[in-house]
């Protein structure tokens, strides 16, 4: 009862006629289409993110970069001790030279036998044997070349370079540690291509898929430009939400994978009444505006307000379309002595009052 009595006293006090202290301005109550949206938490992730693993065995000699360091594509990020790989390459190259010599000898032998075979001086068996020896020598040469190529790859694997430009996020080894093929070395992500991932409740999927419009903002209000929109064709079994992925067209330097953003998507439309936010009077739990009557006098009226958007307040109850509300209620005290100047959209105190 005390709360209701206090509100009534406040309404009566605000509505009491007093002399105007300043000119007033007004605007009509407008009816516009309101697009209702759902706001969800999204996460920024990198399009390119990977873990580089060892492709050969060895001891870590150098780690030029650490976590949070930026690297360019092709830069050395891990150097392994390569004496074993270098020795294998030297051996393979020696075997290759030997195979070349053996093929050269086999070719020469075959050419000599071929010449006399045409004259009938050697048997067919001797000719076939020389031909087979040449084929075997050529096969050994090919195997030797393959061995050199494999040894060279193993040597190259001791020098690990960045596959793309980005930032190192995790280091899995230390200098002096022995590694084997398949063991993780470093993890990193690229900041050149980022995207936003958001979990969309099932009830909004059809609307968002149809409209294909979203608005992504940071905590400080900055709006991020998005491009291609990808819907995952299945729902999560636990949360029953659908994953929506949005490509960022121009990632800013201040964006990093794992950051939270707000994703706003339109889901419905309805008609709503709007007034300027400056018209609203707030007194404790009271929400009211000054409405100009037929004589241009401001009268206090309690209203029920909805959402605020772009300097406007939605009116749920208490006003009708076309009614004029005072937009500067803090600059005057409304009453019988205030009159609206329709031509200039202002009001001034009448003379003698």
Protein backbone atom coordinates (compact mmCIF):
# COMPACT_ATOMS: atom_id res chain seq x y z
CA UNK A 1 0.00 0.00 0.00
CA UNK A 2 2.82 2.40 0.83
CA UNK A 3 4.45 1.71 -2.56
CA UNK A 4 1.16 2.39 -4.45
CA UNK A 5 0.53 5.56 -2.43
CA UNK A 6 4.06 6.78 -3.17
CA UNK A 7 3.59 6.24 -6.90
CA UNK A 8 0.29 8.11 -6.89
CA UNK A 9 1.87 11.03 -5.04
CA UNK A 10 4.70 11.08 -7.58
CA UNK A 11 2.25 11.09 -10.50
CA UNK A 12 0.22 13.88 -8.95
CA UNK A 13 3.35 15.89 -8.25
CA UNK A 14 4.62 15.55 -11.82
CA UNK A 15 1.19 16.39 -13.25
CA UNK A 16 0.63 19.52 -11.11
CA UNK A 17 0.37 22.63 -13.32
CA UNK A 18 3.22 25.06 -12.88
CA UNK A 19 4.63 27.83 -15.00
CA UNK A 20 6.79 26.73 -17.91
CA UNK A 21 10.45 27.53 -17.64
CA UNK A 22 11.53 26.76 -21.21
CA UNK A 23 10.16 26.17 -24.66
CA UNK A 24 9.23 22.59 -25.37
CA UNK A 25 9.62 20.43 -28.44
CA UNK A 26 7.52 17.47 -29.42
CA UNK A 27 7.33 14.59 -31.87
CA UNK A 28 4.47 12.30 -32.88
CA UNK A 29 4.22 8.69 -31.81
CA UNK A 30 5.32 6.63 -34.85
CA UNK A 31 4.35 3.13 -35.91
CA UNK A 32 7.14 1.15 -37.56
CA UNK A 33 8.04 -2.44 -38.23
CA UNK A 34 10.14 -3.97 -35.49
CA UNK A 35 12.46 -6.79 -36.42
CA UNK A 36 12.89 -9.10 -33.45
CA UNK A 37 16.31 -10.69 -33.17
CA UNK A 38 17.98 -13.35 -31.11
CA UNK A 39 21.40 -12.59 -29.65
CA UNK A 40 23.82 -15.45 -29.12
CA UNK A 41 27.42 -15.87 -28.02
CA UNK A 42 29.79 -16.73 -30.84
CA UNK A 43 33.45 -17.72 -30.80
CA UNK A 44 36.17 -16.60 -33.19
CA UNK A 45 38.26 -19.41 -34.60
CA UNK A 46 41.07 -19.63 -37.13
CA UNK A 47 40.44 -21.16 -40.53
CA UNK A 48 44.03 -22.42 -40.53
CA UNK A 49 45.27 -24.05 -37.36
CA UNK A 50 47.54 -27.06 -37.07
CA UNK A 51 50.21 -28.93 -35.13
CA UNK A 52 53.54 -29.56 -36.83
CA UNK A 53 54.94 -33.02 -36.06
CA UNK A 54 58.36 -34.57 -36.59
CA UNK A 55 58.78 -36.58 -39.80
CA UNK A 56 62.14 -38.03 -38.84
CA UNK A 57 64.01 -38.90 -35.66
CA UNK A 58 66.64 -36.69 -34.08
CA UNK A 59 67.57 -34.34 -31.26
CA UNK A 60 66.17 -30.80 -31.11
CA UNK A 61 69.02 -28.34 -31.71
CA UNK A 62 67.18 -25.04 -32.19
CA UNK A 63 63.77 -23.52 -31.42
CA UNK A 64 63.99 -19.97 -32.79
CA UNK A 65 60.45 -19.05 -31.74
CA UNK A 66 58.35 -19.44 -28.61
CA UNK A 67 54.67 -19.30 -27.78
CA UNK A 68 52.91 -16.08 -28.91
CA UNK A 69 55.65 -15.30 -31.45
CA UNK A 70 54.66 -14.36 -34.99
CA UNK A 71 56.21 -16.34 -37.83
CA UNK A 72 56.15 -15.98 -41.58
CA UNK A 73 55.48 -18.82 -43.99
CA UNK A 74 58.69 -20.71 -44.74
CA UNK A 75 60.60 -19.53 -41.65
CA UNK A 76 62.64 -22.07 -39.66
CA UNK A 77 60.76 -23.05 -36.51
CA UNK A 78 62.57 -26.29 -35.45
CA UNK A 79 66.05 -27.59 -36.30
CA UNK A 80 66.94 -31.22 -35.55
CA UNK A 81 70.42 -32.75 -35.34
CA UNK A 82 71.07 -34.22 -38.81
CA UNK A 83 74.36 -36.19 -38.66
CA UNK A 84 72.59 -39.55 -39.04
CA UNK A 85 70.49 -38.34 -41.96
CA UNK A 86 73.54 -36.77 -43.62
CA UNK A 87 75.47 -40.05 -43.30
CA UNK A 88 72.60 -41.98 -44.88
CA UNK A 89 72.49 -39.51 -47.74
CA UNK A 90 76.23 -39.85 -48.32
CA UNK A 91 75.93 -43.63 -48.36
CA UNK A 92 72.98 -43.50 -50.75
CA UNK A 93 74.88 -41.18 -53.08
CA UNK A 94 77.84 -43.59 -53.04
CA UNK A 95 75.55 -46.49 -53.91
CA UNK A 96 74.15 -44.42 -56.74
CA UNK A 97 77.59 -43.84 -58.24
CA UNK A 98 78.32 -47.57 -57.97
CA UNK A 99 75.02 -48.41 -59.67
CA UNK A 100 75.83 -46.00 -62.49
CA UNK A 101 79.20 -47.69 -63.04
CA UNK A 102 77.62 -51.15 -63.04
CA UNK A 103 75.01 -50.08 -65.57
CA UNK A 104 77.71 -48.54 -67.77
CA UNK A 105 79.68 -51.78 -67.68
CA UNK A 106 76.57 -53.87 -68.40
CA UNK A 107 75.63 -51.60 -71.32
CA UNK A 108 79.08 -51.86 -72.85
CA UNK A 109 79.08 -55.65 -72.49
CA UNK A 110 75.65 -55.88 -74.10
CA UNK A 111 76.71 -53.68 -77.03
CA UNK A 112 79.75 -55.89 -77.75
CA UNK A 113 77.73 -59.12 -77.64
CA UNK A 114 74.97 -57.56 -79.72
CA UNK A 115 77.41 -56.75 -82.54
CA UNK A 116 78.85 -60.28 -82.76
CA UNK A 117 75.44 -61.84 -82.21
CA UNK A 118 74.21 -60.26 -85.40
CA UNK A 119 77.13 -61.99 -87.23
CA UNK A 120 76.35 -65.32 -85.59
CA UNK A 121 79.51 -65.56 -83.49
CA UNK A 122 77.76 -65.95 -80.10
CA UNK A 123 74.87 -68.06 -79.03
CA UNK A 124 71.40 -66.78 -78.25
CA UNK A 125 71.92 -67.77 -74.63
CA UNK A 126 74.93 -65.46 -74.26
CA UNK A 127 73.02 -62.64 -75.91
CA UNK A 128 70.02 -63.09 -73.57
CA UNK A 129 72.27 -63.15 -70.53
CA UNK A 130 73.94 -59.86 -71.52
CA UNK A 131 70.54 -58.29 -72.10
CA UNK A 132 69.30 -59.46 -68.70
CA UNK A 133 72.43 -58.14 -66.99
CA UNK A 134 71.79 -54.71 -68.51
CA UNK A 135 68.16 -54.71 -67.33
CA UNK A 136 69.25 -55.70 -63.82
CA UNK A 137 71.86 -52.93 -63.77
CA UNK A 138 69.26 -50.36 -64.81
CA UNK A 139 66.92 -51.59 -62.07
CA UNK A 140 69.67 -51.27 -59.46
CA UNK A 141 70.31 -47.74 -60.70
CA UNK A 142 66.66 -46.78 -60.23
CA UNK A 143 66.66 -48.21 -56.70
CA UNK A 144 69.81 -46.25 -55.91
CA UNK A 145 68.22 -43.05 -57.16
CA UNK A 146 65.13 -43.69 -55.04
CA UNK A 147 67.33 -44.29 -52.00
CA UNK A 148 69.09 -40.97 -52.56
CA UNK A 149 65.73 -39.20 -52.86
CA UNK A 150 64.49 -40.79 -49.63
CA UNK A 151 67.71 -39.94 -47.79
CA UNK A 152 67.48 -36.36 -49.02
CA UNK A 153 63.90 -36.12 -47.72
CA UNK A 154 64.96 -37.44 -44.32
CA UNK A 155 67.67 -34.80 -44.22
CA UNK A 156 65.21 -32.08 -45.25
CA UNK A 157 62.85 -33.23 -42.47
CA UNK A 158 65.45 -32.13 -39.90
CA UNK A 159 64.69 -28.54 -40.93
CA UNK A 160 61.07 -27.74 -40.01
CA UNK A 161 59.56 -24.55 -41.48
CA UNK A 162 56.26 -22.77 -40.89
CA UNK A 163 53.59 -23.98 -43.34
CA UNK A 164 51.86 -20.55 -43.23
CA UNK A 165 52.14 -17.17 -41.53
CA UNK A 166 50.64 -17.03 -38.06
CA UNK A 167 51.22 -17.16 -34.31
CA UNK A 168 52.62 -20.05 -32.31
CA UNK A 169 50.17 -21.19 -29.66
CA UNK A 170 51.95 -24.16 -28.05
CA UNK A 171 55.43 -25.69 -27.88
CA UNK A 172 55.53 -29.45 -27.31
CA UNK A 173 59.32 -30.03 -27.17
CA UNK A 174 62.43 -28.44 -25.70
CA UNK A 175 65.99 -28.03 -26.96
CA UNK A 176 67.97 -31.23 -26.41
CA UNK A 177 64.92 -33.48 -26.45
CA UNK A 178 64.96 -36.53 -28.73
CA UNK A 179 61.97 -36.86 -31.03
CA UNK A 180 60.62 -39.59 -33.26
CA UNK A 181 58.41 -39.51 -36.38
CA UNK A 182 54.86 -38.39 -35.58
CA UNK A 183 55.75 -36.60 -32.34
CA UNK A 184 54.16 -33.10 -32.05
CA UNK A 185 56.61 -30.21 -32.14
CA UNK A 186 54.73 -26.89 -32.32
CA UNK A 187 51.13 -25.72 -32.71
CA UNK A 188 50.00 -22.50 -34.32
CA UNK A 189 47.16 -20.61 -35.96
CA UNK A 190 46.87 -18.13 -38.78
CA UNK A 191 45.28 -14.74 -38.11
CA UNK A 192 44.85 -13.94 -41.79
CA UNK A 193 41.67 -15.98 -42.12
CA UNK A 194 39.21 -16.00 -39.21
CA UNK A 195 35.60 -17.02 -38.82
CA UNK A 196 32.84 -16.97 -36.20
CA UNK A 197 31.14 -20.13 -34.97
CA UNK A 198 27.83 -19.97 -33.07
CA UNK A 199 25.43 -22.61 -31.77
CA UNK A 200 21.92 -21.83 -33.06
CA UNK A 201 18.87 -23.15 -31.12
CA UNK A 202 16.64 -25.39 -33.19
CA UNK A 203 13.61 -23.06 -33.07
CA UNK A 204 15.53 -20.31 -34.89
CA UNK A 205 17.16 -22.43 -37.60
CA UNK A 206 14.50 -22.09 -40.31
CA UNK A 207 14.19 -18.31 -39.89
CA UNK A 208 17.94 -17.64 -39.93
CA UNK A 209 18.49 -20.05 -42.83
CA UNK A 210 15.79 -18.24 -44.83
CA UNK A 211 16.80 -14.64 -44.07
CA UNK A 212 20.56 -15.35 -44.06
CA UNK A 213 21.31 -12.09 -42.24
CA UNK A 214 23.37 -11.72 -39.11
CA UNK A 215 25.15 -8.95 -37.22
CA UNK A 216 28.39 -9.70 -35.39
CA UNK A 217 29.65 -7.23 -32.78
CA UNK A 218 32.46 -7.04 -30.26
CA UNK A 219 32.00 -6.09 -26.61
CA UNK A 220 32.96 -2.50 -27.40
CA UNK A 221 30.24 -2.23 -30.04
CA UNK A 222 32.37 -2.57 -33.15
CA UNK A 223 30.58 -4.38 -35.97
CA UNK A 224 32.49 -7.06 -37.87
CA UNK A 225 31.83 -7.61 -41.56
CA UNK A 226 30.87 -11.18 -42.35
CA UNK A 227 30.71 -13.07 -45.61
CA UNK A 228 29.80 -16.64 -46.45
CA UNK A 229 27.35 -18.33 -44.08
CA UNK A 230 27.59 -22.10 -43.58
CA UNK A 231 24.97 -24.21 -41.77
CA UNK A 232 26.00 -27.58 -40.41
CA UNK A 233 23.40 -30.13 -41.62
CA UNK A 234 23.03 -31.85 -38.26
CA UNK A 235 22.24 -30.97 -34.64
CA UNK A 236 24.35 -31.61 -31.57
CA UNK A 237 23.04 -34.70 -29.79
CA UNK A 238 23.43 -33.14 -26.34
CA UNK A 239 22.29 -29.53 -26.84
CA UNK A 240 20.12 -30.01 -29.98
CA UNK A 241 21.63 -26.86 -31.48
CA UNK A 242 22.84 -26.34 -35.03
CA UNK A 243 26.28 -24.92 -35.70
CA UNK A 244 26.43 -21.80 -37.83
CA UNK A 245 29.75 -20.63 -39.30
CA UNK A 246 30.33 -17.06 -40.54
CA UNK A 247 33.41 -16.03 -42.50
CA UNK A 248 34.99 -12.72 -41.45
CA UNK A 249 35.74 -10.64 -44.52
CA UNK A 250 38.22 -8.20 -42.97
CA UNK A 251 39.66 -9.54 -39.69
CA UNK A 252 41.03 -6.79 -37.47
CA UNK A 253 44.44 -6.89 -35.85
CA UNK A 254 42.80 -7.06 -32.42
CA UNK A 255 40.94 -10.31 -33.16
CA UNK A 256 42.25 -13.64 -31.91
CA UNK A 257 40.90 -17.19 -31.95
CA UNK A 258 38.86 -18.01 -28.85
CA UNK A 259 37.43 -14.49 -28.38
CA UNK A 260 33.72 -14.14 -27.65
CA UNK A 261 31.49 -12.03 -29.90
CA UNK A 262 27.77 -11.28 -30.07
CA UNK A 263 25.86 -12.72 -33.01
CA UNK A 264 22.47 -11.12 -33.65
CA UNK A 265 20.08 -12.75 -36.13
CA UNK A 266 16.56 -11.59 -37.12
CA UNK A 267 13.88 -14.18 -36.34
CA UNK A 268 10.51 -12.31 -36.57
CA UNK A 269 8.81 -9.00 -37.43
CA UNK A 270 5.90 -7.08 -35.86
CA UNK A 271 4.43 -3.57 -35.74
CA UNK A 272 5.44 -1.36 -32.82
CA UNK A 273 4.95 2.21 -31.54
CA UNK A 274 8.07 4.35 -31.00
CA UNK A 275 8.93 7.60 -29.25
CA UNK A 276 12.28 9.39 -28.78
CA UNK A 277 14.20 8.10 -25.79
CA UNK A 278 14.53 11.68 -24.50
CA UNK A 279 10.75 11.79 -23.97
CA UNK A 280 10.73 9.12 -21.30
CA UNK A 281 10.53 10.17 -17.64
CA UNK A 282 11.89 7.68 -15.11
CA UNK A 283 11.03 8.06 -11.44
CA UNK A 284 11.78 4.90 -9.48
CA UNK A 285 9.49 2.29 -11.08
CA UNK A 286 7.37 4.91 -12.82
CA UNK A 287 7.61 5.33 -16.62
CA UNK A 288 5.74 8.34 -18.04
CA UNK A 289 5.74 10.95 -20.80
CA UNK A 290 4.21 14.36 -21.32
CA UNK A 291 1.50 14.20 -24.01
CA UNK A 292 0.18 17.36 -25.65
CA UNK A 293 -3.61 17.69 -25.47
CA UNK A 294 -5.85 19.37 -28.06
CA UNK A 295 -4.99 22.80 -26.68
CA UNK A 296 -1.26 22.09 -26.86
CA UNK A 297 -0.84 21.64 -23.13
CA UNK A 298 1.46 18.89 -21.85
CA UNK A 299 -0.23 16.29 -19.67
CA UNK A 300 1.63 13.59 -17.79
CA UNK A 301 0.66 10.07 -18.75
CA UNK A 302 1.98 6.79 -17.39
CA UNK A 303 3.11 4.32 -20.05
CA UNK A 304 4.60 0.86 -20.36
CA UNK A 305 7.89 0.85 -22.25
CA UNK A 306 9.56 -1.93 -24.21
CA UNK A 307 13.01 -2.18 -25.75
CA UNK A 308 15.38 0.67 -26.57
CA UNK A 309 17.02 0.90 -29.99
CA UNK A 310 18.88 3.65 -31.86
CA UNK A 311 17.68 6.43 -29.56
CA UNK A 312 14.05 5.25 -29.64
CA UNK A 313 11.81 3.62 -27.02
CA UNK A 314 9.16 1.04 -27.85
CA UNK A 315 5.72 1.75 -26.35
CA UNK A 316 3.76 -1.28 -25.22
CA UNK A 317 0.81 0.56 -23.68
CA UNK A 318 -0.38 4.08 -22.82
CA UNK A 319 -0.02 5.90 -26.18
CA UNK A 320 -1.64 5.87 -29.60
CA UNK A 321 -0.12 6.48 -33.01
CA UNK A 322 0.01 10.18 -33.92
CA UNK A 323 -0.13 11.58 -30.38
CA UNK A 324 2.58 14.14 -29.72
CA UNK A 325 5.00 13.64 -26.85
CA UNK A 326 7.33 16.21 -25.36
CA UNK A 327 10.94 15.45 -26.23
CA UNK A 328 12.59 17.74 -23.62
CA UNK A 329 10.69 17.08 -20.37
CA UNK A 330 13.76 17.80 -18.23
CA UNK A 331 13.91 21.43 -19.44
CA UNK A 332 10.52 22.54 -18.22
CA UNK A 333 7.68 21.84 -15.78
CA UNK A 334 4.49 21.20 -17.75
CA UNK A 335 1.21 22.84 -16.87
CA UNK A 336 -1.70 25.03 -17.87
CA UNK A 337 0.61 27.92 -18.72
CA UNK A 338 2.36 26.04 -21.56
CA UNK A 339 1.10 26.23 -25.14
CA UNK A 340 2.32 24.44 -28.29
CA UNK A 341 3.47 26.52 -31.25
CA UNK A 342 2.45 24.11 -34.03
CA UNK A 343 4.32 25.96 -36.73
CA UNK A 344 7.70 25.85 -35.01
CA UNK A 345 7.15 22.61 -33.10
CA UNK A 346 7.89 24.47 -29.82
CA UNK A 347 5.84 25.76 -26.91
CA UNK A 348 6.17 28.95 -24.89
CA UNK A 349 4.47 30.37 -21.80
CA UNK A 350 1.39 32.49 -22.51
CA UNK A 351 1.72 36.19 -21.74
CA UNK A 352 0.53 37.21 -18.34
CA UNK A 353 0.64 33.71 -16.87
